[in-house]
C-alpha cells in the first residue's frame, strides 16, 4: 500500500509540475522541446525498471514463491513497450481530432494534459477489473487472447476504410444533444457563457472525444499487457508511464506519422503474439526473454523498414 501511495503521489506531482511550472504559459510545443521531453519520459520509464527490481527483491526475500526481481523487471519493460507501440495509432487519431475541431497548436498541450489525467484514472479502473477477472476466472485469458487475435486480423484486412471523422462520431452527436456547443475558440477555456447559458468550446469537445477514443484503444492495450503479467503494480506502472510519455511523443511525431506507415504491421505481429500467448497460457509459458525479444524486434523492424521506404520515396526529408 505504501508503494502504491508513493507511486501515485509521484505521478500527480509530475503532472502538477508539468501544468503549473513547465507549461504554465500556453505556447506551441516545438519538435525540439517535444523530443527532449520524449527522451526524458522514455529514460525515466526505463530507469523505473531498476526501482521495480529493487521492490521485487525485497518481496522475493520475504516470499520465495513471488516473482524474481529480474522477472519483474523484464515483465515491466515488456508491458511498457507494448503500450508504447500501441500508442502510435492513438497519436494518429489525436492528430485527426485536433485538425477536425481546428484546435490551435498553442492550446493542444492543455487538452492533452487533461486527457492524460483522465486516462490515468480510467486505465487504472480497467486494469483493476481486468486483473480481478483473470485472477477469479482463469478462462477469461482465452477471451482476452481471442479478442487480441481478432483485433490483429481486423487490422490486417481493414483495407481502405473511410477515414475517421470526429464530427460524425457518436460521442460528438451525443454531446450536441446534452449541451450547447460553440464553434469559436475562447482561449484556453473549456466552457463559456452565452446569454446565461454555459456552452462547451471546441477544446472541451476535443477532450471528450480523445478520452473516449483512449478508452477504446485501452480495450486492446490492457488485455495485451495482462498477457505479460497479472501483477497489478507491474501492469499499472508500465501502462501509466507509457501514457505519460504519449503527450510529448504526439508533438514529436505528429508531423512525421506518414514516415512510419509500416509500423502498423509491427502492431499486428505484437497483438498476434500476445493473443497466442494468452490462449496457451495454461499449457505453455513463453520465457520472458522471448516475449521481450519479439515485441522489441517487431517494433524496431517496423520503424527501420518504414524509414527505409520513406527515404526512397522522399529523399528530400533526409537532406
Protein backbone atom coordinates (compact mmCIF):
# COMPACT_ATOMS: atom_id res chain seq x y z
CA UNK A 1 0.00 0.00 0.00
CA UNK A 2 2.87 2.37 0.79
CA UNK A 3 4.42 1.68 -2.64
CA UNK A 4 1.10 2.42 -4.36
CA UNK A 5 0.65 5.66 -2.44
CA UNK A 6 4.20 6.82 -3.22
CA UNK A 7 3.88 5.89 -6.91
CA UNK A 8 0.53 7.66 -7.38
CA UNK A 9 1.78 10.70 -5.45
CA UNK A 10 4.84 10.91 -7.71
CA UNK A 11 2.66 10.71 -10.82
CA UNK A 12 0.39 13.54 -9.71
CA UNK A 13 3.41 15.64 -8.64
CA UNK A 14 4.86 15.21 -12.15
CA UNK A 15 1.54 16.26 -13.68
CA UNK A 16 1.24 19.27 -11.36
CA UNK A 17 4.79 20.40 -12.24
CA UNK A 18 4.01 19.90 -15.92
CA UNK A 19 0.97 22.18 -15.99
CA UNK A 20 1.89 24.55 -13.15
CA UNK A 21 5.61 25.09 -13.81
CA UNK A 22 6.99 23.80 -17.12
CA UNK A 23 3.92 24.71 -19.17
CA UNK A 24 2.35 27.44 -17.05
CA UNK A 25 2.05 29.73 -20.06
CA UNK A 26 0.40 28.38 -23.19
CA UNK A 27 2.85 28.02 -26.07
CA UNK A 28 3.39 25.99 -29.20
CA UNK A 29 5.41 22.86 -28.40
CA UNK A 30 8.34 22.73 -30.82
CA UNK A 31 9.71 19.46 -32.19
CA UNK A 32 12.94 20.09 -30.26
CA UNK A 33 11.14 20.61 -26.95
CA UNK A 34 8.91 17.59 -27.60
CA UNK A 35 11.95 15.49 -28.49
CA UNK A 36 13.69 16.44 -25.24
CA UNK A 37 10.62 15.59 -23.14
CA UNK A 38 10.08 12.34 -25.06
CA UNK A 39 13.68 11.38 -24.24
CA UNK A 40 13.14 12.30 -20.57
CA UNK A 41 9.96 10.23 -20.26
CA UNK A 42 11.41 7.20 -22.05
CA UNK A 43 14.56 7.38 -19.89
CA UNK A 44 12.51 7.70 -16.68
CA UNK A 45 10.30 4.80 -17.76
CA UNK A 46 13.24 2.50 -18.45
CA UNK A 47 15.09 3.58 -15.29
CA UNK A 48 11.97 2.73 -13.29
CA UNK A 49 12.73 -0.91 -14.11
CA UNK A 50 15.58 -0.57 -11.58
CA UNK A 51 13.05 0.56 -8.98
CA UNK A 52 10.90 -2.44 -9.88
CA UNK A 53 13.95 -4.71 -9.49
CA UNK A 54 14.63 -3.25 -6.02
CA UNK A 55 10.99 -3.51 -4.89
CA UNK A 56 10.63 -7.11 -6.00
CA UNK A 57 13.98 -8.06 -4.45
CA UNK A 58 12.50 -7.23 -1.06
CA UNK A 59 9.29 -9.06 -1.96
CA UNK A 60 11.20 -12.14 -3.16
CA UNK A 61 13.25 -12.31 0.03
CA UNK A 62 10.06 -12.36 2.09
CA UNK A 63 8.22 -14.72 -0.30
CA UNK A 64 10.34 -17.11 -2.42
CA UNK A 65 7.25 -18.03 -4.47
CA UNK A 66 6.89 -14.44 -5.71
CA UNK A 67 8.32 -13.09 -8.95
CA UNK A 68 12.09 -12.87 -9.03
CA UNK A 69 13.47 -9.31 -9.39
CA UNK A 70 14.72 -9.99 -12.94
CA UNK A 71 11.36 -11.48 -13.99
CA UNK A 72 9.51 -8.45 -12.61
CA UNK A 73 11.83 -6.01 -14.41
CA UNK A 74 11.50 -7.82 -17.75
CA UNK A 75 7.71 -8.01 -17.42
CA UNK A 76 7.57 -4.29 -16.67
CA UNK A 77 9.75 -3.34 -19.68
CA UNK A 78 7.79 -5.71 -21.96
CA UNK A 79 4.48 -4.23 -20.85
CA UNK A 80 5.83 -0.71 -21.33
CA UNK A 81 6.98 -1.48 -24.88
CA UNK A 82 3.60 -2.99 -25.74
CA UNK A 83 1.74 0.10 -24.58
CA UNK A 84 4.24 2.40 -26.26
CA UNK A 85 3.88 0.61 -29.61
CA UNK A 86 0.08 0.55 -29.44
CA UNK A 87 0.12 4.31 -28.73
CA UNK A 88 1.10 5.06 -32.33
CA UNK A 89 -2.47 4.61 -33.59
CA UNK A 90 -3.64 6.79 -30.70
CA UNK A 91 -1.28 9.57 -31.82
CA UNK A 92 -2.72 9.48 -35.34
CA UNK A 93 -6.31 9.72 -34.03
CA UNK A 94 -5.39 12.64 -31.74
CA UNK A 95 -3.94 14.48 -34.74
CA UNK A 96 -7.17 13.90 -36.70
CA UNK A 97 -9.30 15.13 -33.79
CA UNK A 98 -7.30 18.34 -33.37
CA UNK A 99 -7.46 19.01 -37.12
CA UNK A 100 -11.21 18.34 -37.26
CA UNK A 101 -12.06 20.74 -34.43
CA UNK A 102 -9.40 23.25 -35.58
CA UNK A 103 -7.65 23.32 -32.20
CA UNK A 104 -4.70 25.77 -32.42
CA UNK A 105 -1.30 24.24 -31.64
CA UNK A 106 -0.87 26.64 -28.72
CA UNK A 107 -3.83 25.04 -26.84
CA UNK A 108 -3.26 21.38 -27.75
CA UNK A 109 -0.99 20.76 -24.76
CA UNK A 110 -3.73 21.83 -22.32
CA UNK A 111 -6.26 19.47 -23.92
CA UNK A 112 -3.81 16.57 -23.85
CA UNK A 113 -2.85 17.28 -20.22
CA UNK A 114 -6.42 16.79 -19.01
CA UNK A 115 -6.85 13.92 -21.43
CA UNK A 116 -3.83 12.15 -19.92
CA UNK A 117 -5.13 12.80 -16.39
CA UNK A 118 -8.46 11.22 -17.30
CA UNK A 119 -6.67 8.31 -18.99
CA UNK A 120 -4.71 7.60 -15.78
CA UNK A 121 -7.98 7.25 -13.84
CA UNK A 122 -9.87 5.21 -16.42
CA UNK A 123 -6.91 2.95 -17.26
CA UNK A 124 -6.49 2.30 -13.55
CA UNK A 125 -10.11 1.16 -13.28
CA UNK A 126 -9.85 -1.05 -16.38
CA UNK A 127 -6.64 -2.66 -15.10
CA UNK A 128 -8.19 -3.19 -11.65
CA UNK A 129 -11.22 -5.03 -13.04
CA UNK A 130 -9.14 -6.84 -15.67
CA UNK A 131 -6.81 -8.27 -13.02
CA UNK A 132 -9.78 -9.31 -10.90
CA UNK A 133 -11.40 -11.11 -13.85
CA UNK A 134 -8.23 -13.00 -14.78
CA UNK A 135 -7.47 -14.00 -11.18
CA UNK A 136 -11.06 -15.01 -10.43
CA UNK A 137 -11.95 -16.61 -13.78
CA UNK A 138 -8.93 -18.25 -15.41
CA UNK A 139 -10.91 -18.83 -18.63
CA UNK A 140 -11.00 -15.05 -19.19
CA UNK A 141 -7.47 -15.34 -20.60
CA UNK A 142 -8.96 -17.23 -23.56
CA UNK A 143 -11.47 -14.44 -24.20
CA UNK A 144 -8.79 -11.74 -23.98
CA UNK A 145 -6.47 -13.77 -26.23
CA UNK A 146 -9.17 -14.35 -28.85
CA UNK A 147 -10.06 -10.65 -28.76
CA UNK A 148 -6.44 -9.66 -29.42
CA UNK A 149 -6.20 -12.09 -32.34
CA UNK A 150 -9.47 -10.70 -33.73
CA UNK A 151 -8.07 -7.17 -33.45
CA UNK A 152 -4.85 -8.18 -35.24
CA UNK A 153 -6.81 -9.84 -38.07
CA UNK A 154 -9.08 -6.82 -38.40
CA UNK A 155 -6.03 -4.53 -38.64
CA UNK A 156 -4.51 -6.76 -41.32
CA UNK A 157 -7.56 -6.81 -43.57
CA UNK A 158 -9.13 -3.43 -42.88
CA UNK A 159 -8.06 -2.12 -46.32
CA UNK A 160 -9.04 1.40 -47.28
CA UNK A 161 -11.72 2.13 -44.73
CA UNK A 162 -13.39 5.50 -44.55
CA UNK A 163 -11.23 7.91 -42.58
CA UNK A 164 -12.27 8.62 -39.01
CA UNK A 165 -14.28 11.84 -38.78
CA UNK A 166 -14.72 13.06 -35.18
CA UNK A 167 -17.64 15.32 -36.12
CA UNK A 168 -19.60 12.29 -37.34
CA UNK A 169 -18.77 10.22 -34.28
CA UNK A 170 -21.35 9.02 -31.77
CA UNK A 171 -19.61 10.96 -28.98
CA UNK A 172 -19.89 14.29 -30.78
CA UNK A 173 -23.55 13.72 -31.68
CA UNK A 174 -24.41 12.86 -28.08
CA UNK A 175 -22.58 15.91 -26.73
CA UNK A 176 -24.60 18.18 -29.02
CA UNK A 177 -27.80 16.69 -27.58
CA UNK A 178 -26.64 17.07 -23.97
CA UNK A 179 -25.17 20.59 -24.02
CA UNK A 180 -24.85 23.63 -26.28
CA UNK A 181 -21.56 23.78 -28.20
CA UNK A 182 -19.89 26.89 -29.54
CA UNK A 183 -17.68 26.67 -32.61
CA UNK A 184 -15.45 29.55 -31.54
CA UNK A 185 -12.17 29.05 -29.69
CA UNK A 186 -12.19 31.08 -26.46
CA UNK A 187 -8.53 30.93 -25.44
CA UNK A 188 -7.85 28.05 -23.04
CA UNK A 189 -11.44 27.93 -21.84
CA UNK A 190 -13.35 24.64 -21.95
CA UNK A 191 -16.66 26.43 -21.28
CA UNK A 192 -18.02 29.91 -22.00
CA UNK A 193 -21.26 31.59 -21.02
CA UNK A 194 -23.55 32.65 -23.88
CA UNK A 195 -26.71 34.56 -22.89
CA UNK A 196 -26.65 33.00 -19.39
CA UNK A 197 -26.18 29.52 -20.91
CA UNK A 198 -22.99 27.56 -20.34
CA UNK A 199 -21.66 26.26 -23.66
CA UNK A 200 -18.77 23.88 -24.38
CA UNK A 201 -15.94 25.13 -26.57
CA UNK A 202 -14.18 23.02 -29.23
CA UNK A 203 -11.41 22.37 -26.67
CA UNK A 204 -13.82 20.53 -24.37
CA UNK A 205 -15.38 18.61 -27.26
CA UNK A 206 -11.93 17.53 -28.47
CA UNK A 207 -11.02 16.48 -24.91
CA UNK A 208 -14.10 14.25 -24.55
CA UNK A 209 -13.61 12.65 -27.98
CA UNK A 210 -9.93 11.97 -27.18
CA UNK A 211 -10.90 10.48 -23.80
CA UNK A 212 -13.44 8.12 -25.33
CA UNK A 213 -11.04 7.08 -28.10
CA UNK A 214 -8.39 6.35 -25.48
CA UNK A 215 -10.83 4.04 -23.70
CA UNK A 216 -11.41 2.21 -26.98
CA UNK A 217 -7.66 1.83 -27.52
CA UNK A 218 -7.35 0.58 -23.93
CA UNK A 219 -9.56 -2.37 -24.88
CA UNK A 220 -6.55 -3.61 -26.89
CA UNK A 221 -3.63 -2.45 -24.77
CA UNK A 222 -4.85 -3.53 -21.32
CA UNK A 223 -5.52 -7.18 -22.32
CA UNK A 224 -2.19 -7.17 -24.18
CA UNK A 225 -0.30 -6.21 -21.02
CA UNK A 226 -2.33 -8.70 -18.98
CA UNK A 227 -0.91 -11.35 -21.31
CA UNK A 228 2.53 -10.50 -19.93
CA UNK A 229 1.60 -10.36 -16.25
CA UNK A 230 -1.42 -10.08 -13.99
CA UNK A 231 0.58 -8.35 -11.26
CA UNK A 232 -1.46 -5.13 -10.69
CA UNK A 233 1.52 -2.89 -9.94
CA UNK A 234 3.54 -4.01 -12.99
CA UNK A 235 0.53 -3.65 -15.29
CA UNK A 236 -0.45 -0.24 -13.94
CA UNK A 237 3.05 1.27 -13.74
CA UNK A 238 4.08 0.17 -17.26
CA UNK A 239 0.77 1.40 -18.68
CA UNK A 240 0.86 4.75 -16.90
CA UNK A 241 4.48 5.54 -17.82
CA UNK A 242 3.63 4.94 -21.48
CA UNK A 243 0.57 7.20 -21.20
CA UNK A 244 2.54 9.99 -19.51
CA UNK A 245 5.05 10.00 -22.36
CA UNK A 246 2.31 9.93 -25.01
CA UNK A 247 1.78 13.71 -24.92
CA UNK A 248 5.35 14.70 -25.73
CA UNK A 249 5.55 11.85 -28.23
CA UNK A 250 2.49 13.25 -30.00
CA UNK A 251 4.13 16.65 -30.50
CA UNK A 252 7.35 14.93 -31.56
CA UNK A 253 5.77 12.53 -34.09
CA UNK A 254 2.56 14.29 -35.21
CA UNK A 255 4.20 15.80 -38.28
CA UNK A 256 6.14 12.65 -39.12
CA UNK A 257 3.48 9.93 -38.84
CA UNK A 258 3.44 9.33 -42.60
CA UNK A 259 7.08 8.23 -42.35
CA UNK A 260 6.09 5.28 -40.14
CA UNK A 261 3.48 3.82 -42.47
CA UNK A 262 4.67 0.22 -41.96
CA UNK A 263 4.69 0.37 -38.16
CA UNK A 264 1.13 -0.94 -38.18
CA UNK A 265 2.45 -4.34 -39.27
CA UNK A 266 4.60 -4.37 -36.14
CA UNK A 267 1.45 -3.83 -34.09
CA UNK A 268 -0.22 -6.75 -35.90
CA UNK A 269 2.73 -9.03 -35.03
CA UNK A 270 2.69 -7.88 -31.39
CA UNK A 271 -1.06 -8.33 -30.96
CA UNK A 272 -0.92 -11.75 -32.63
CA UNK A 273 1.93 -12.89 -30.40
CA UNK A 274 0.34 -11.76 -27.12
CA UNK A 275 -3.02 -13.19 -28.23
CA UNK A 276 -1.45 -16.61 -28.85
CA UNK A 277 0.43 -16.30 -25.55
CA UNK A 278 -2.87 -15.79 -23.69
CA UNK A 279 -4.53 -18.71 -25.45
CA UNK A 280 -1.63 -21.01 -24.50
CA UNK A 281 -1.02 -19.62 -21.01
CA UNK A 282 -2.41 -22.72 -19.23
CA UNK A 283 -0.50 -25.11 -21.50
CA UNK A 284 2.83 -23.42 -22.25
CA UNK A 285 4.53 -20.36 -20.81
CA UNK A 286 6.87 -18.44 -23.08
CA UNK A 287 10.16 -17.41 -21.41
CA UNK A 288 10.20 -13.71 -20.55
CA UNK A 289 13.13 -13.00 -22.86
CA UNK A 290 11.16 -14.37 -25.84
CA UNK A 291 8.24 -12.00 -25.15
CA UNK A 292 10.55 -9.02 -24.77
CA UNK A 293 12.55 -10.04 -27.87
CA UNK A 294 9.52 -10.49 -30.12
CA UNK A 295 7.99 -7.17 -29.09
CA UNK A 296 11.25 -5.23 -29.25
CA UNK A 297 12.33 -6.67 -32.63
CA UNK A 298 8.85 -6.17 -34.13
CA UNK A 299 8.81 -2.53 -33.08
CA UNK A 300 12.38 -1.89 -34.22
CA UNK A 301 11.83 -3.70 -37.53
CA UNK A 302 8.69 -1.69 -38.31
CA UNK A 303 10.45 1.60 -37.57
CA UNK A 304 13.57 0.81 -39.62
CA UNK A 305 11.63 -0.56 -42.60
CA UNK A 306 9.25 2.43 -42.59
CA UNK A 307 12.16 4.87 -42.56
CA UNK A 308 13.96 2.95 -45.35
CA UNK A 309 10.87 3.05 -47.58
CA UNK A 310 10.23 6.71 -46.78
CA UNK A 311 13.86 7.56 -47.60
CA UNK A 312 13.40 6.07 -51.09
CA UNK A 313 10.08 7.82 -51.67
CA UNK A 314 11.02 11.18 -50.16
CA UNK A 315 14.81 11.64 -50.14
CA UNK A 316 14.27 15.37 -49.58
CA UNK A 317 13.24 14.62 -45.99
CA UNK A 318 16.74 13.42 -45.23
CA UNK A 319 18.85 16.09 -46.91
